[in-house]
């Protein structure tokens, strides 16, 4: 299984996907907020969303997995 990881330290603003959604390479799966800026997080590979690993509003570190893809 692949994961989509946070590329910056910030807060999970919102998810653009839900469990069961099909995503393609480059699709936005989440929006992170950092320093009052909203930054999209894109899937590096395609797959089906198996699990959302963080809650909206949760603080995350750079490299932390956000979404697990099957």
C-alpha atoms as a PDB file:
ATOM      1  CA  UNK A   1       0.000   0.000   0.000  1.00  0.00           C
ATOM      2  CA  UNK A   2       1.149   3.518  -0.757  1.00  0.00           C
ATOM      3  CA  UNK A   3       0.672   6.603   1.374  1.00  0.00           C
ATOM      4  CA  UNK A   4       0.270  10.269   0.541  1.00  0.00           C
ATOM      5  CA  UNK A   5       2.468  12.234   2.926  1.00  0.00           C
ATOM      6  CA  UNK A   6       2.461  15.833   4.151  1.00  0.00           C
ATOM      7  CA  UNK A   7       5.048  17.862   2.234  1.00  0.00           C
ATOM      8  CA  UNK A   8       5.117  20.617   4.873  1.00  0.00           C
ATOM      9  CA  UNK A   9       4.478  20.964   8.598  1.00  0.00           C
ATOM     10  CA  UNK A  10       1.008  22.372   9.184  1.00  0.00           C
ATOM     11  CA  UNK A  11      -2.601  21.550   9.986  1.00  0.00           C
ATOM     12  CA  UNK A  12      -4.931  19.309   7.997  1.00  0.00           C
ATOM     13  CA  UNK A  13      -7.406  21.914   6.760  1.00  0.00           C
ATOM     14  CA  UNK A  14      -9.674  19.540   4.842  1.00  0.00           C
ATOM     15  CA  UNK A  15      -9.708  16.298   2.882  1.00  0.00           C
ATOM     16  CA  UNK A  16     -10.754  16.401  -0.764  1.00  0.00           C
ATOM     17  CA  UNK A  17     -11.380  12.619  -0.817  1.00  0.00           C
ATOM     18  CA  UNK A  18     -13.150   9.984   1.264  1.00  0.00           C
ATOM     19  CA  UNK A  19     -12.555   6.274   1.824  1.00  0.00           C
ATOM     20  CA  UNK A  20     -13.393   4.348  -1.344  1.00  0.00           C
ATOM     21  CA  UNK A  21     -12.626   7.193  -3.770  1.00  0.00           C
ATOM     22  CA  UNK A  22     -10.437   6.467  -6.796  1.00  0.00           C
ATOM     23  CA  UNK A  23      -7.561   8.940  -7.173  1.00  0.00           C
ATOM     24  CA  UNK A  24      -5.047   9.422  -9.943  1.00  0.00           C
ATOM     25  CA  UNK A  25      -1.470  10.645  -9.896  1.00  0.00           C
ATOM     26  CA  UNK A  26      -1.524  14.398  -9.282  1.00  0.00           C
ATOM     27  CA  UNK A  27      -5.035  14.500  -7.792  1.00  0.00           C
ATOM     28  CA  UNK A  28      -5.426  16.707  -4.707  1.00  0.00           C
ATOM     29  CA  UNK A  29      -6.287  14.553  -1.688  1.00  0.00           C
ATOM     30  CA  UNK A  30      -5.974  17.087   1.144  1.00  0.00           C
ATOM     31  CA  UNK A  31      -5.369  20.750   1.894  1.00  0.00           C
ATOM     32  CA  UNK A  32      -2.837  21.710   4.565  1.00  0.00           C
ATOM     33  CA  UNK A  33      -2.759  25.117   6.250  1.00  0.00           C
ATOM     34  CA  UNK A  34       0.638  26.496   7.150  1.00  0.00           C
ATOM     35  CA  UNK A  35       1.503  30.093   7.992  1.00  0.00           C
ATOM     36  CA  UNK A  36      -1.990  31.249   6.915  1.00  0.00           C
ATOM     37  CA  UNK A  37      -1.547  29.667   3.455  1.00  0.00           C
ATOM     38  CA  UNK A  38      -3.540  26.730   2.085  1.00  0.00           C
ATOM     39  CA  UNK A  39      -1.335  24.157   0.332  1.00  0.00           C
ATOM     40  CA  UNK A  40      -2.747  21.237  -1.710  1.00  0.00           C
ATOM     41  CA  UNK A  41      -1.328  17.756  -1.142  1.00  0.00           C
ATOM     42  CA  UNK A  42      -1.339  15.642  -4.301  1.00  0.00           C
ATOM     43  CA  UNK A  43      -1.150  11.884  -4.756  1.00  0.00           C
ATOM     44  CA  UNK A  44       2.147  10.722  -6.240  1.00  0.00           C
ATOM     45  CA  UNK A  45       0.521   7.494  -7.470  1.00  0.00           C
ATOM     46  CA  UNK A  46      -3.019   6.443  -8.279  1.00  0.00           C
ATOM     47  CA  UNK A  47      -5.135   4.100  -6.197  1.00  0.00           C
ATOM     48  CA  UNK A  48      -8.227   3.753  -4.048  1.00  0.00           C
ATOM     49  CA  UNK A  49      -8.407   5.640  -0.745  1.00  0.00           C
ATOM     50  CA  UNK A  50      -8.240   2.940   1.936  1.00  0.00           C
ATOM     51  CA  UNK A  51      -7.851   5.108   5.036  1.00  0.00           C
ATOM     52  CA  UNK A  52      -7.614   8.741   6.164  1.00  0.00           C
ATOM     53  CA  UNK A  53      -4.806   8.688   8.722  1.00  0.00           C
ATOM     54  CA  UNK A  54      -5.251  12.122  10.360  1.00  0.00           C
ATOM     55  CA  UNK A  55      -8.252  14.108  11.473  1.00  0.00           C
ATOM     56  CA  UNK A  56      -9.201  17.468   9.981  1.00  0.00           C
ATOM     57  CA  UNK A  57      -7.749  20.131  12.269  1.00  0.00           C
ATOM     58  CA  UNK A  58      -4.876  17.876  13.369  1.00  0.00           C
ATOM     59  CA  UNK A  59      -1.319  19.243  13.336  1.00  0.00           C
ATOM     60  CA  UNK A  60       1.061  17.186  11.171  1.00  0.00           C
ATOM     61  CA  UNK A  61       4.798  17.173  10.525  1.00  0.00           C
ATOM     62  CA  UNK A  62       6.523  17.129   7.157  1.00  0.00           C
ATOM     63  CA  UNK A  63       6.636  13.536   5.904  1.00  0.00           C
ATOM     64  CA  UNK A  64       3.741  12.322   8.067  1.00  0.00           C
ATOM     65  CA  UNK A  65       1.344  10.022   6.178  1.00  0.00           C
ATOM     66  CA  UNK A  66      -2.116  11.529   5.600  1.00  0.00           C
ATOM     67  CA  UNK A  67      -3.878   9.039   3.300  1.00  0.00           C
ATOM     68  CA  UNK A  68      -3.335   5.312   2.692  1.00  0.00           C
ATOM     69  CA  UNK A  69      -3.986   4.123  -0.870  1.00  0.00           C
ATOM     70  CA  UNK A  70      -4.732   0.528  -1.880  1.00  0.00           C
END
